[in-house]
Amino acid sequence: MVVYIDPPTWPGHGQLWSHLISDVSYEELHGFAAGLGVPLRAFERDHYDLPEARYADAVRLGAVEVSSRELLAILTRAGLRRRRNAMR
């Protein structure tokens, strides 16, 4: 199981956020997030939003650190990218 995480550089709600993805399936991603204690409500279309305070925990559990650009490329190559307007 490999999941990927980008640096916590995305601002929101007074803190910085990372994105957590899988290159295999949403099931794999949900399983990893559950093991990390991240609630399903943090899942947004194709990724989990993870606060900066949980970044090191995700890496410690095996999330691979990549740039935001690499993360998007991995998600797109895997065919798991869900664009906002595609969800309507």
Protein backbone atom coordinates (compact mmCIF):
# COMPACT_ATOMS: atom_id res chain seq x y z
CA MET A 1 0.00 0.00 0.00
CA VAL A 2 1.36 3.39 -1.01
CA VAL A 3 -0.31 6.69 -0.33
CA TYR A 4 1.16 10.10 -1.07
CA ILE A 5 1.08 13.42 0.75
CA ASP A 6 2.05 16.92 -0.35
CA PRO A 7 3.52 19.60 1.93
CA PRO A 8 1.14 21.49 4.22
CA THR A 9 1.01 24.69 2.20
CA TRP A 10 -2.73 25.09 1.54
CA PRO A 11 -4.31 27.67 3.90
CA GLY A 12 -7.77 27.28 5.36
CA HIS A 13 -9.59 27.69 8.66
CA GLY A 14 -6.55 29.35 10.27
CA GLN A 15 -4.09 26.55 9.51
CA LEU A 16 -2.16 24.89 6.69
CA TRP A 17 -3.30 21.67 4.99
CA SER A 18 -1.85 18.78 3.00
CA HIS A 19 -3.56 16.47 0.56
CA LEU A 20 -3.43 12.71 1.00
CA ILE A 21 -4.03 10.46 -2.04
CA SER A 22 -3.71 6.89 -3.29
CA ASP A 23 -2.51 5.83 -6.72
CA VAL A 24 -4.45 2.54 -6.51
CA SER A 25 -7.98 3.09 -5.16
CA TYR A 26 -10.19 5.15 -2.92
CA GLU A 27 -10.62 2.06 -0.73
CA GLU A 28 -6.87 1.99 -0.09
CA LEU A 29 -6.96 5.70 0.72
CA HIS A 30 -9.93 5.33 3.08
CA GLY A 31 -8.19 2.44 4.85
CA PHE A 32 -5.01 4.45 5.38
CA ALA A 33 -6.96 7.48 6.59
CA ALA A 34 -8.96 5.33 9.02
CA GLY A 35 -5.72 3.89 10.42
CA LEU A 36 -4.51 7.43 10.92
CA GLY A 37 -7.75 8.37 12.66
CA VAL A 38 -8.85 10.82 9.98
CA PRO A 39 -12.65 11.07 9.70
CA LEU A 40 -14.39 10.37 6.40
CA ARG A 41 -15.70 13.94 6.39
CA ALA A 42 -12.12 15.04 5.55
CA PHE A 43 -12.42 13.25 2.18
CA GLU A 44 -13.01 15.67 -0.69
CA ARG A 45 -13.74 14.16 -4.15
CA ASP A 46 -10.40 12.34 -4.58
CA HIS A 47 -8.22 13.20 -1.58
CA TYR A 48 -8.19 13.77 2.15
CA ASP A 49 -7.42 17.18 3.56
CA LEU A 50 -4.95 16.70 6.39
CA PRO A 51 -3.98 19.49 8.81
CA GLU A 52 -0.31 20.34 9.21
CA ALA A 53 -0.33 18.91 12.75
CA ARG A 54 -1.04 15.42 11.32
CA TYR A 55 1.53 15.54 8.50
CA ALA A 56 4.33 13.81 10.45
CA ASP A 57 1.89 11.13 11.64
CA ALA A 58 0.96 10.30 8.04
CA VAL A 59 4.62 10.10 7.00
CA ARG A 60 5.43 7.94 10.01
CA LEU A 61 2.66 5.52 8.95
CA GLY A 62 4.13 5.31 5.44
CA ALA A 63 2.78 8.18 3.35
CA VAL A 64 5.31 9.15 0.69
CA GLU A 65 6.20 12.84 0.60
CA VAL A 66 5.86 14.44 -2.86
CA SER A 67 5.40 17.95 -4.17
CA SER A 68 1.90 19.24 -4.88
CA ARG A 69 2.65 19.06 -8.60
CA GLU A 70 3.81 15.43 -8.31
CA LEU A 71 0.74 14.57 -6.25
CA LEU A 72 -1.60 15.88 -8.94
CA ALA A 73 0.32 14.01 -11.66
CA ILE A 74 0.15 10.74 -9.69
CA LEU A 75 -3.58 11.14 -9.10
CA THR A 76 -4.22 11.93 -12.77
CA ARG A 77 -2.08 9.02 -14.06
CA ALA A 78 -3.92 6.65 -11.74
CA GLY A 79 -7.24 7.74 -13.24
CA LEU A 80 -8.51 8.75 -9.80
CA ARG A 81 -8.69 12.52 -10.34
CA ARG A 82 -12.19 13.86 -9.82
CA ARG A 83 -12.56 17.44 -10.90
CA ARG A 84 -15.00 19.68 -9.03
CA ASN A 85 -17.32 20.23 -12.01
CA ALA A 86 -17.34 16.49 -12.82
CA MET A 87 -19.06 15.76 -9.50
CA ARG A 88 -22.29 17.57 -10.46
